[in-house]
């Protein structure tokens, strides 16, 4: 007869057997839960080391051998908790006699994971509380177990809607504060989005609410075929859905992008659709002959450079891709390795290594706050501040001025940010153009006429702004500029 494992039907577990006289029963160790432990470790790394979840999580899943349902659970717990952090902290604060700053950070991370399970998943309340207590014991020892149990039982007493009603400011009295708690974004980001959309909190924040909701939703994986190496049809044949706007794009509902041959071979890659369209827009403006030299001014990590290299190859042009940091230049080298039309250099775009007026087309995809990609990097909303935005302004202006100087008269420049913040977008372009009478702002929404509702609010209607709630993309900004042929101007 086969021996049954301890605790199986027909044999009492060791824990259920009576203790022998004179011997103490050893304390039960917390149950191992690899999915929740991975999620907790990612939360801790984002908090302590500034790690990005989208880089660490896949590595931990591979390292610990999590696949299938365990990997899906870890992913949901990690990203869902990071997206809902502001709301969950408000709920936890309402349930605790201690301030959040008096809760040990590892224990607070456990409470956040448990609160997400209770308020935003189908995990049963008993399982969410019990596994969180076990996780707290693993992370911080047995001491906090009772505290975690008590807090999460209070959290479980209401659903998410009821908690928002209880902890968020009144929508009428404080619309920004209400949306901040309801959609888990810092107040300053709510204000920045409303300003970019042209909405006034005093008269209503309808679109602001829509973009906050979209920024908290899980994005689709979007693929881009490299022109000359792959096609949209090949992506669709491999299981992707045809993209709405980009002729090179495809949407992947789930699974590993590397399962598609073109992606695995480097002939296609993951790239947001608005990012694709910004690069395509640069190539649609007439610059006259010879149109042979293109520049990506700050190319790392290489997504747009990969696409531009493919477009350059099919147009008979060559792309120079520059980045000031060697490790990012190496990423660009890897991204463009399949193309023979790209050369990568380590160069500071603000101190040009090329002669002024050397290029027909110039992309300035400048460093920014990344507020347009909060769907993909939810922890960034808690890591960034208004000071970060202000601190980038000088560099953004210098890079745009350098990009303009690199273009010959008649050449076109694309200024791109993955942010809708006015201080990083319209304000930068307007400031630089005041000193450049030789440069004209083109009608970017007209160049991308297939995409509706791109124009920024007046008087900035010549600039294009993508939005997740309107277009299903990251909130990428695009200004297209052209140096006037024959006009005098500084370089």
Protein backbone atom coordinates (compact mmCIF):
# COMPACT_ATOMS: atom_id res chain seq x y z
CA UNK A 1 0.00 0.00 0.00
CA UNK A 2 1.36 3.40 -0.96
CA UNK A 3 2.29 5.65 1.90
CA UNK A 4 0.05 8.72 2.23
CA UNK A 5 1.58 12.15 2.74
CA UNK A 6 1.05 13.70 6.14
CA UNK A 7 -2.19 15.64 6.31
CA UNK A 8 -3.86 13.76 3.46
CA UNK A 9 -7.29 12.14 3.90
CA UNK A 10 -7.08 9.06 6.13
CA UNK A 11 -4.04 10.23 8.09
CA UNK A 12 -3.98 13.12 10.55
CA UNK A 13 -1.40 15.77 9.94
CA UNK A 14 1.46 16.22 12.40
CA UNK A 15 -0.12 19.49 13.56
CA UNK A 16 -3.40 17.71 14.41
CA UNK A 17 -1.82 14.94 16.48
CA UNK A 18 -1.81 15.41 20.24
CA UNK A 19 1.43 16.72 21.63
CA UNK A 20 3.50 14.22 23.59
CA UNK A 21 3.79 14.96 27.30
CA UNK A 22 6.83 17.02 28.17
CA UNK A 23 7.43 18.15 24.58
CA UNK A 24 6.50 21.54 23.12
CA UNK A 25 4.94 21.60 19.69
CA UNK A 26 7.13 23.60 17.29
CA UNK A 27 5.60 26.82 15.98
CA UNK A 28 4.08 26.41 12.55
CA UNK A 29 6.05 28.21 9.85
CA UNK A 30 4.17 30.55 7.52
CA UNK A 31 2.85 28.91 4.36
CA UNK A 32 5.01 29.62 1.35
CA UNK A 33 3.23 31.60 -1.36
CA UNK A 34 5.63 32.21 -4.25
CA UNK A 35 3.34 34.51 -6.27
CA UNK A 36 2.65 36.86 -3.37
CA UNK A 37 6.27 36.76 -2.29
CA UNK A 38 7.39 37.87 -5.76
CA UNK A 39 4.87 40.73 -5.71
CA UNK A 40 6.06 41.79 -2.26
CA UNK A 41 9.70 41.72 -3.33
CA UNK A 42 8.93 43.90 -6.36
CA UNK A 43 7.05 46.42 -4.21
CA UNK A 44 9.94 46.55 -1.79
CA UNK A 45 12.49 47.05 -4.59
CA UNK A 46 10.49 49.89 -6.17
CA UNK A 47 10.24 51.58 -2.77
CA UNK A 48 13.80 51.06 -1.54
CA UNK A 49 15.92 51.07 -4.71
CA UNK A 50 13.85 52.93 -7.27
CA UNK A 51 13.61 49.79 -9.43
CA UNK A 52 11.06 49.73 -12.23
CA UNK A 53 8.53 46.93 -11.83
CA UNK A 54 8.35 46.23 -15.56
CA UNK A 55 12.07 45.39 -15.52
CA UNK A 56 12.31 43.48 -12.23
CA UNK A 57 9.10 41.45 -12.29
CA UNK A 58 9.85 39.39 -15.44
CA UNK A 59 13.34 38.63 -14.10
CA UNK A 60 11.99 37.41 -10.74
CA UNK A 61 9.34 35.27 -12.41
CA UNK A 62 12.03 33.55 -14.47
CA UNK A 63 14.44 33.23 -11.54
CA UNK A 64 11.84 31.60 -9.30
CA UNK A 65 10.24 29.48 -12.00
CA UNK A 66 6.75 30.99 -11.81
CA UNK A 67 4.57 30.36 -14.84
CA UNK A 68 0.90 30.10 -15.70
CA UNK A 69 -1.54 31.07 -12.97
CA UNK A 70 1.16 31.84 -10.42
CA UNK A 71 2.87 34.26 -12.80
CA UNK A 72 -0.47 35.86 -13.68
CA UNK A 73 -1.33 36.30 -9.99
CA UNK A 74 2.06 37.84 -9.19
CA UNK A 75 1.70 40.22 -12.13
CA UNK A 76 -1.80 41.31 -11.13
CA UNK A 77 -0.83 41.82 -7.49
CA UNK A 78 2.29 43.77 -8.39
CA UNK A 79 0.88 46.16 -11.00
CA UNK A 80 -2.57 46.41 -9.43
CA UNK A 81 -1.13 47.38 -6.06
CA UNK A 82 1.22 49.96 -7.57
CA UNK A 83 -1.63 51.53 -9.56
CA UNK A 84 -3.95 51.69 -6.56
CA UNK A 85 -1.34 52.74 -4.00
CA UNK A 86 -2.78 56.19 -3.27
CA UNK A 87 -6.29 54.87 -2.75
CA UNK A 88 -5.13 51.91 -0.68
CA UNK A 89 -2.96 54.07 1.58
CA UNK A 90 -5.97 56.28 2.31
CA UNK A 91 -8.03 53.20 3.23
CA UNK A 92 -5.27 51.71 5.39
CA UNK A 93 -4.83 55.04 7.19
CA UNK A 94 -8.56 55.10 7.95
CA UNK A 95 -8.33 51.58 9.42
CA UNK A 96 -5.24 52.13 11.55
CA UNK A 97 -4.73 54.04 14.78
CA UNK A 98 -1.14 54.60 13.68
CA UNK A 99 -0.12 56.96 10.91
CA UNK A 100 1.31 55.34 7.81
CA UNK A 101 4.72 56.75 8.70
CA UNK A 102 4.64 54.68 11.91
CA UNK A 103 4.00 51.37 10.15
CA UNK A 104 7.16 49.44 9.28
CA UNK A 105 7.61 49.72 5.48
CA UNK A 106 7.65 45.93 4.83
CA UNK A 107 4.44 45.56 6.83
CA UNK A 108 2.86 48.46 4.94
CA UNK A 109 3.74 46.74 1.66
CA UNK A 110 1.96 43.60 2.88
CA UNK A 111 -1.09 45.66 3.86
CA UNK A 112 -1.15 47.27 0.43
CA UNK A 113 -1.07 43.87 -1.28
CA UNK A 114 -3.82 42.58 0.99
CA UNK A 115 -5.97 45.67 0.44
CA UNK A 116 -5.66 45.29 -3.33
CA UNK A 117 -6.82 41.69 -3.09
CA UNK A 118 -9.77 42.62 -0.90
CA UNK A 119 -10.97 45.63 -2.89
CA UNK A 120 -10.00 44.97 -6.51
CA UNK A 121 -9.71 41.22 -7.15
CA UNK A 122 -11.85 38.12 -6.88
CA UNK A 123 -9.66 36.64 -4.15
CA UNK A 124 -11.90 35.67 -1.23
CA UNK A 125 -11.68 37.80 1.90
CA UNK A 126 -10.56 34.92 4.11
CA UNK A 127 -7.79 33.92 1.67
CA UNK A 128 -6.65 37.51 1.21
CA UNK A 129 -6.35 38.07 4.97
CA UNK A 130 -4.80 34.68 5.80
CA UNK A 131 -2.17 34.82 3.05
CA UNK A 132 -1.29 38.40 3.99
CA UNK A 133 -0.77 37.39 7.63
CA UNK A 134 1.51 34.58 6.47
CA UNK A 135 3.37 36.98 4.19
CA UNK A 136 3.87 39.44 7.05
CA UNK A 137 5.41 36.65 9.14
CA UNK A 138 7.80 35.82 6.30
CA UNK A 139 8.77 39.44 5.72
CA UNK A 140 8.84 40.84 9.26
CA UNK A 141 8.52 37.97 11.73
CA UNK A 142 5.54 36.97 13.89
CA UNK A 143 5.16 40.30 15.71
CA UNK A 144 3.05 42.22 13.15
CA UNK A 145 0.72 39.31 12.33
CA UNK A 146 -2.07 40.42 14.66
CA UNK A 147 -1.84 44.01 13.44
CA UNK A 148 -2.06 42.94 9.79
CA UNK A 149 -5.00 40.65 10.56
CA UNK A 150 -6.88 43.43 12.37
CA UNK A 151 -6.32 46.08 9.68
CA UNK A 152 -7.30 43.85 6.79
CA UNK A 153 -10.44 42.65 8.54
CA UNK A 154 -11.48 46.30 8.82
CA UNK A 155 -10.64 46.84 5.15
CA UNK A 156 -12.84 43.85 4.27
CA UNK A 157 -15.84 45.46 5.96
CA UNK A 158 -16.58 47.67 2.89
CA UNK A 159 -16.15 47.44 -0.86
CA UNK A 160 -14.00 49.84 -2.89
CA UNK A 161 -16.82 52.24 -3.79
CA UNK A 162 -17.87 52.56 -0.15
CA UNK A 163 -14.28 53.18 0.94
CA UNK A 164 -13.81 55.90 -1.68
CA UNK A 165 -16.97 57.59 -0.44
CA UNK A 166 -15.56 57.40 3.08
CA UNK A 167 -11.98 58.57 2.53
CA UNK A 168 -12.00 60.84 -0.54
CA UNK A 169 -12.85 64.55 -0.33
CA UNK A 170 -16.20 65.62 -1.70
CA UNK A 171 -16.20 65.92 -5.49
CA UNK A 172 -18.09 69.22 -5.24
CA UNK A 173 -15.85 70.78 -2.58
CA UNK A 174 -12.49 69.48 -3.83
CA UNK A 175 -12.71 67.93 -7.31
CA UNK A 176 -8.94 67.53 -7.69
CA UNK A 177 -8.62 65.88 -4.28
CA UNK A 178 -11.57 63.60 -4.98
CA UNK A 179 -10.11 62.39 -8.29
CA UNK A 180 -6.68 62.02 -6.70
CA UNK A 181 -8.01 59.46 -4.19
CA UNK A 182 -10.55 57.85 -6.49
CA UNK A 183 -8.06 57.18 -9.30
CA UNK A 184 -4.89 56.92 -7.21
CA UNK A 185 -2.83 59.78 -8.67
CA UNK A 186 -0.99 62.56 -6.80
CA UNK A 187 -2.87 65.85 -6.82
CA UNK A 188 -0.23 67.61 -8.90
CA UNK A 189 -0.62 65.06 -11.72
CA UNK A 190 -4.40 65.49 -11.70
CA UNK A 191 -3.87 69.24 -12.03
CA UNK A 192 -1.27 68.80 -14.79
CA UNK A 193 -3.59 66.57 -16.83
CA UNK A 194 -6.49 68.99 -16.47
CA UNK A 195 -4.31 71.91 -17.60
CA UNK A 196 -3.11 70.03 -20.67
CA UNK A 197 -6.71 69.10 -21.55
CA UNK A 198 -7.84 72.71 -21.08
CA UNK A 199 -10.26 71.87 -18.26
CA UNK A 200 -10.97 74.03 -15.23
CA UNK A 201 -11.71 72.30 -11.90
CA UNK A 202 -14.33 74.97 -11.21
CA UNK A 203 -16.35 74.00 -14.29
CA UNK A 204 -15.76 70.25 -14.45
CA UNK A 205 -13.07 67.65 -15.01
CA UNK A 206 -14.85 65.18 -17.28
CA UNK A 207 -11.93 64.42 -19.58
CA UNK A 208 -9.45 64.61 -16.74
CA UNK A 209 -11.40 61.86 -14.99
CA UNK A 210 -11.38 59.80 -18.20
CA UNK A 211 -7.61 60.04 -18.63
CA UNK A 212 -7.01 59.19 -14.97
CA UNK A 213 -9.16 56.09 -15.34
CA UNK A 214 -7.33 55.12 -18.54
CA UNK A 215 -3.95 55.70 -16.89
CA UNK A 216 -4.93 53.19 -14.21
CA UNK A 217 -5.99 50.52 -16.71
CA UNK A 218 -3.83 47.68 -17.96
CA UNK A 219 -2.48 48.56 -21.42
CA UNK A 220 -2.41 46.29 -24.43
CA UNK A 221 0.94 45.07 -25.68
CA UNK A 222 1.53 46.90 -28.97
CA UNK A 223 3.98 45.63 -31.59
CA UNK A 224 5.73 47.46 -34.40
CA UNK A 225 7.05 45.85 -37.58
CA UNK A 226 10.35 47.32 -38.78
CA UNK A 227 9.85 48.54 -42.37
CA UNK A 228 11.78 46.48 -44.88
CA UNK A 229 12.22 43.65 -42.39
CA UNK A 230 8.66 42.78 -41.37
CA UNK A 231 5.09 43.89 -42.02
CA UNK A 232 1.85 44.41 -40.18
CA UNK A 233 0.44 41.43 -42.09
CA UNK A 234 3.17 39.21 -40.64
CA UNK A 235 2.31 40.35 -37.11
CA UNK A 236 -1.37 39.60 -37.73
CA UNK A 237 -0.51 36.19 -39.16
CA UNK A 238 1.44 35.53 -35.97
CA UNK A 239 -1.59 36.22 -33.78
CA UNK A 240 -1.68 40.00 -33.34
CA UNK A 241 -4.69 42.19 -34.05
CA UNK A 242 -4.37 44.97 -36.63
CA UNK A 243 -3.61 48.30 -34.96
CA UNK A 244 -6.15 51.10 -35.36
CA UNK A 245 -3.79 53.86 -36.46
CA UNK A 246 -0.28 52.69 -37.28
CA UNK A 247 0.23 50.83 -40.57
CA UNK A 248 3.10 49.00 -38.86
CA UNK A 249 1.36 48.11 -35.60
CA UNK A 250 -0.40 45.17 -34.03
CA UNK A 251 -2.03 44.52 -30.66
CA UNK A 252 -1.27 41.42 -28.63
CA UNK A 253 -3.99 40.42 -26.20
CA UNK A 254 -1.71 38.27 -24.09
CA UNK A 255 1.13 35.82 -24.13
CA UNK A 256 4.80 36.24 -24.92
CA UNK A 257 5.58 38.69 -27.77
CA UNK A 258 8.65 36.55 -28.50
CA UNK A 259 6.32 33.78 -29.66
CA UNK A 260 5.87 35.84 -32.86
CA UNK A 261 8.74 35.03 -35.20
CA UNK A 262 9.36 38.60 -36.33
CA UNK A 263 9.71 39.76 -32.71
CA UNK A 264 11.96 36.86 -31.79
CA UNK A 265 14.23 37.62 -34.75
CA UNK A 266 14.42 41.37 -34.06
CA UNK A 267 12.42 42.35 -37.14
CA UNK A 268 9.60 43.68 -34.95
CA UNK A 269 9.43 44.85 -31.36
CA UNK A 270 7.13 46.06 -28.60
CA UNK A 271 6.48 49.78 -29.14
CA UNK A 272 3.57 52.02 -28.20
CA UNK A 273 1.44 53.06 -31.16
CA UNK A 274 1.79 56.80 -30.51
CA UNK A 275 5.56 56.35 -30.45
CA UNK A 276 5.34 54.70 -33.86
CA UNK A 277 3.20 57.51 -35.24
CA UNK A 278 5.50 60.24 -33.94
CA UNK A 279 8.38 58.69 -35.88
CA UNK A 280 6.22 58.21 -38.96
CA UNK A 281 5.10 61.85 -38.83
CA UNK A 282 8.72 63.01 -39.05
CA UNK A 283 9.08 61.15 -42.35
CA UNK A 284 5.89 62.51 -43.92
CA UNK A 285 6.95 66.14 -44.26
CA UNK A 286 8.48 67.17 -47.59
CA UNK A 287 12.08 68.35 -47.20
CA UNK A 288 13.21 68.33 -50.82
CA UNK A 289 16.21 66.53 -52.28
CA UNK A 290 18.44 64.83 -51.41
CA UNK A 291 16.85 63.68 -48.09
CA UNK A 292 19.68 61.32 -47.23
CA UNK A 293 20.75 62.18 -43.66
CA UNK A 294 18.57 61.67 -40.59
CA UNK A 295 19.39 62.17 -36.92
CA UNK A 296 17.95 60.75 -33.70
CA UNK A 297 19.41 63.22 -31.21
CA UNK A 298 18.88 61.29 -27.94
CA UNK A 299 18.11 57.81 -29.17
CA UNK A 300 18.32 55.58 -26.10
CA UNK A 301 16.98 53.03 -25.45
CA UNK A 302 16.36 52.71 -29.18
CA UNK A 303 12.69 52.08 -29.94
CA UNK A 304 12.19 55.02 -32.29
CA UNK A 305 15.72 54.59 -33.70
CA UNK A 306 14.84 51.02 -34.70
CA UNK A 307 11.78 52.25 -36.57
CA UNK A 308 13.54 55.24 -38.14
CA UNK A 309 16.40 53.01 -39.29
CA UNK A 310 13.90 50.82 -41.13
CA UNK A 311 12.17 53.84 -42.65
CA UNK A 312 15.53 55.35 -43.63
CA UNK A 313 16.62 52.14 -45.32
CA UNK A 314 13.46 51.99 -47.44
CA UNK A 315 13.87 55.69 -48.36
CA UNK A 316 17.53 55.37 -49.29
CA UNK A 317 18.64 57.47 -46.31
CA UNK A 318 20.90 56.82 -43.34
CA UNK A 319 20.22 57.42 -39.66
CA UNK A 320 22.73 58.70 -37.13
CA UNK A 321 21.54 57.66 -33.67
CA UNK A 322 23.21 59.45 -30.76
CA UNK A 323 23.01 59.14 -27.00
CA UNK A 324 25.18 60.76 -24.35
CA UNK A 325 25.36 57.67 -22.13
CA UNK A 326 27.39 54.68 -23.33
CA UNK A 327 25.06 52.05 -21.84
CA UNK A 328 22.06 53.58 -23.61
CA UNK A 329 24.03 53.82 -26.85
CA UNK A 330 24.67 50.08 -26.54
CA UNK A 331 20.91 49.51 -26.22
CA UNK A 332 20.41 51.55 -29.40
CA UNK A 333 23.08 49.47 -31.13
CA UNK A 334 21.23 46.30 -30.17
CA UNK A 335 17.86 47.73 -31.24
CA UNK A 336 19.14 48.74 -34.69
CA UNK A 337 21.40 45.73 -35.26
CA UNK A 338 19.12 44.27 -37.93
CA UNK A 339 19.34 47.44 -40.05
CA UNK A 340 22.23 48.50 -42.28
CA UNK A 341 20.99 52.08 -42.40
CA UNK A 342 21.90 53.14 -38.84
CA UNK A 343 25.10 54.27 -37.19
CA UNK A 344 25.24 54.70 -33.42
CA UNK A 345 27.49 57.21 -31.67
CA UNK A 346 28.04 58.24 -28.06
CA UNK A 347 27.47 61.98 -28.23
CA UNK A 348 25.85 64.69 -26.11
CA UNK A 349 23.05 66.22 -28.12
CA UNK A 350 23.56 69.59 -26.44
CA UNK A 351 27.20 69.67 -27.60
CA UNK A 352 26.85 68.54 -31.21
CA UNK A 353 29.51 66.30 -32.71
CA UNK A 354 28.29 67.22 -36.22
CA UNK A 355 28.32 70.35 -38.33
CA UNK A 356 25.28 72.65 -38.04
CA UNK A 357 22.71 72.17 -40.77
CA UNK A 358 23.87 68.63 -41.59
CA UNK A 359 20.58 66.75 -41.47
CA UNK A 360 17.33 66.58 -43.42
CA UNK A 361 15.25 65.12 -40.58
CA UNK A 362 15.93 65.35 -36.86
CA UNK A 363 14.15 63.64 -33.98
CA UNK A 364 14.47 65.15 -30.50
CA UNK A 365 12.77 62.60 -28.25
CA UNK A 366 13.89 64.37 -25.11
CA UNK A 367 14.22 63.11 -21.52
CA UNK A 368 11.01 63.87 -19.62
CA UNK A 369 8.99 62.95 -16.55
CA UNK A 370 7.34 59.99 -18.28
CA UNK A 371 3.86 61.00 -17.08
CA UNK A 372 2.45 59.79 -20.38
CA UNK A 373 3.38 56.17 -19.65
CA UNK A 374 1.85 55.71 -16.20
CA UNK A 375 -0.12 52.71 -17.46
CA UNK A 376 3.15 50.87 -18.07
CA UNK A 377 5.16 52.26 -15.15
CA UNK A 378 2.56 52.86 -12.43
CA UNK A 379 5.17 53.40 -9.72
CA UNK A 380 6.44 56.50 -11.56
CA UNK A 381 3.46 58.53 -10.34
CA UNK A 382 4.70 58.13 -6.75
CA UNK A 383 8.34 58.68 -7.64
CA UNK A 384 8.08 61.89 -9.66
CA UNK A 385 7.41 65.41 -8.38
CA UNK A 386 6.87 68.90 -9.82
CA UNK A 387 10.54 69.56 -9.06
CA UNK A 388 11.51 66.77 -11.48
CA UNK A 389 9.51 68.42 -14.25
CA UNK A 390 11.06 71.83 -13.56
CA UNK A 391 14.53 70.32 -13.41
CA UNK A 392 14.27 68.92 -16.94
CA UNK A 393 13.15 72.16 -18.57
CA UNK A 394 16.60 73.54 -19.32
CA UNK A 395 17.82 70.30 -20.87
CA UNK A 396 14.69 69.98 -23.00
CA UNK A 397 15.13 73.51 -24.35
CA UNK A 398 18.82 72.95 -25.05
CA UNK A 399 18.13 69.72 -26.91
CA UNK A 400 15.38 71.27 -29.03
CA UNK A 401 17.61 74.23 -29.90
CA UNK A 402 20.37 71.80 -30.84
CA UNK A 403 17.97 69.74 -32.97
CA UNK A 404 16.91 72.83 -34.88
CA UNK A 405 20.54 73.78 -35.42
CA UNK A 406 21.29 70.31 -36.78
CA UNK A 407 18.67 70.64 -39.54
CA UNK A 408 19.46 72.40 -42.79
CA UNK A 409 17.10 75.11 -44.14
CA UNK A 410 14.06 73.19 -45.31
CA UNK A 411 14.78 70.37 -42.88
CA UNK A 412 12.15 69.12 -40.43
CA UNK A 413 12.42 68.55 -36.68
CA UNK A 414 10.15 66.45 -34.44
CA UNK A 415 10.07 67.37 -30.75
CA UNK A 416 8.61 64.44 -28.78
CA UNK A 417 7.96 63.78 -25.10
CA UNK A 418 6.25 60.91 -23.33
CA UNK A 419 4.43 63.44 -21.18
CA UNK A 420 1.41 65.71 -21.59
CA UNK A 421 2.63 68.20 -18.97
CA UNK A 422 2.44 71.72 -20.43
CA UNK A 423 5.82 72.63 -18.90
CA UNK A 424 7.48 69.81 -20.88
CA UNK A 425 5.57 70.25 -24.12
CA UNK A 426 4.04 73.49 -25.43
CA UNK A 427 5.98 75.73 -23.06
CA UNK A 428 9.32 74.32 -24.22
CA UNK A 429 8.50 74.63 -27.93
CA UNK A 430 7.03 78.12 -27.56
CA UNK A 431 10.05 79.35 -25.61
CA UNK A 432 12.54 78.04 -28.16
CA UNK A 433 10.58 79.32 -31.15
CA UNK A 434 10.52 82.87 -29.76
CA UNK A 435 14.20 83.11 -30.59
CA UNK A 436 13.97 81.35 -33.94
CA UNK A 437 12.24 83.44 -36.59
CA UNK A 438 13.64 81.00 -39.18
CA UNK A 439 11.52 78.13 -37.83
CA UNK A 440 7.85 77.40 -38.50
CA UNK A 441 5.55 75.18 -36.44
CA UNK A 442 3.79 72.79 -38.81
CA UNK A 443 0.30 71.40 -38.32
CA UNK A 444 1.16 68.07 -36.69
CA UNK A 445 -2.46 66.88 -36.31
CA UNK A 446 -2.93 67.41 -40.07
CA UNK A 447 0.17 65.33 -40.82
CA UNK A 448 -1.44 62.52 -38.79
CA UNK A 449 -4.92 63.17 -40.16
CA UNK A 450 -5.96 59.51 -39.78
CA UNK A 451 -5.90 59.94 -35.98
CA UNK A 452 -8.81 62.04 -34.60
CA UNK A 453 -8.73 64.54 -31.73
CA UNK A 454 -4.98 65.11 -31.66
CA UNK A 455 -4.90 68.91 -31.55
CA UNK A 456 -3.92 70.60 -28.30
CA UNK A 457 -6.34 73.24 -26.97
CA UNK A 458 -6.13 76.67 -28.65
CA UNK A 459 -3.87 78.50 -29.24
CA UNK A 460 -1.59 75.43 -29.39
CA UNK A 461 -3.64 73.60 -32.02
CA UNK A 462 -0.65 72.93 -34.29
CA UNK A 463 0.80 70.57 -31.70
CA UNK A 464 -0.39 66.97 -31.35
CA UNK A 465 -1.18 65.27 -28.05
CA UNK A 466 -2.03 61.58 -27.83
CA UNK A 467 -4.12 60.38 -24.88
CA UNK A 468 -4.84 56.91 -23.49
CA UNK A 469 -8.58 57.63 -23.12
CA UNK A 470 -8.91 59.00 -26.68
CA UNK A 471 -6.46 56.89 -28.64
CA UNK A 472 -5.56 53.91 -26.46
CA UNK A 473 -1.90 54.98 -26.50
CA UNK A 474 0.59 56.54 -24.16
CA UNK A 475 0.15 60.30 -23.71
CA UNK A 476 2.86 61.32 -26.18
CA UNK A 477 3.31 64.91 -27.36
CA UNK A 478 4.52 65.84 -30.85
CA UNK A 479 5.53 69.16 -32.38
CA UNK A 480 6.72 69.26 -36.00
CA UNK A 481 8.96 72.20 -36.90
CA UNK A 482 10.60 73.21 -40.16
CA UNK A 483 13.45 75.56 -40.90
CA UNK A 484 12.44 78.01 -43.58
CA UNK A 485 14.49 77.64 -46.76
CA UNK A 486 16.68 80.70 -47.29
CA UNK A 487 15.75 82.32 -43.96
CA UNK A 488 18.49 83.69 -41.75
CA UNK A 489 18.65 82.31 -38.23
CA UNK A 490 20.98 81.18 -35.53
CA UNK A 491 22.30 77.65 -35.49
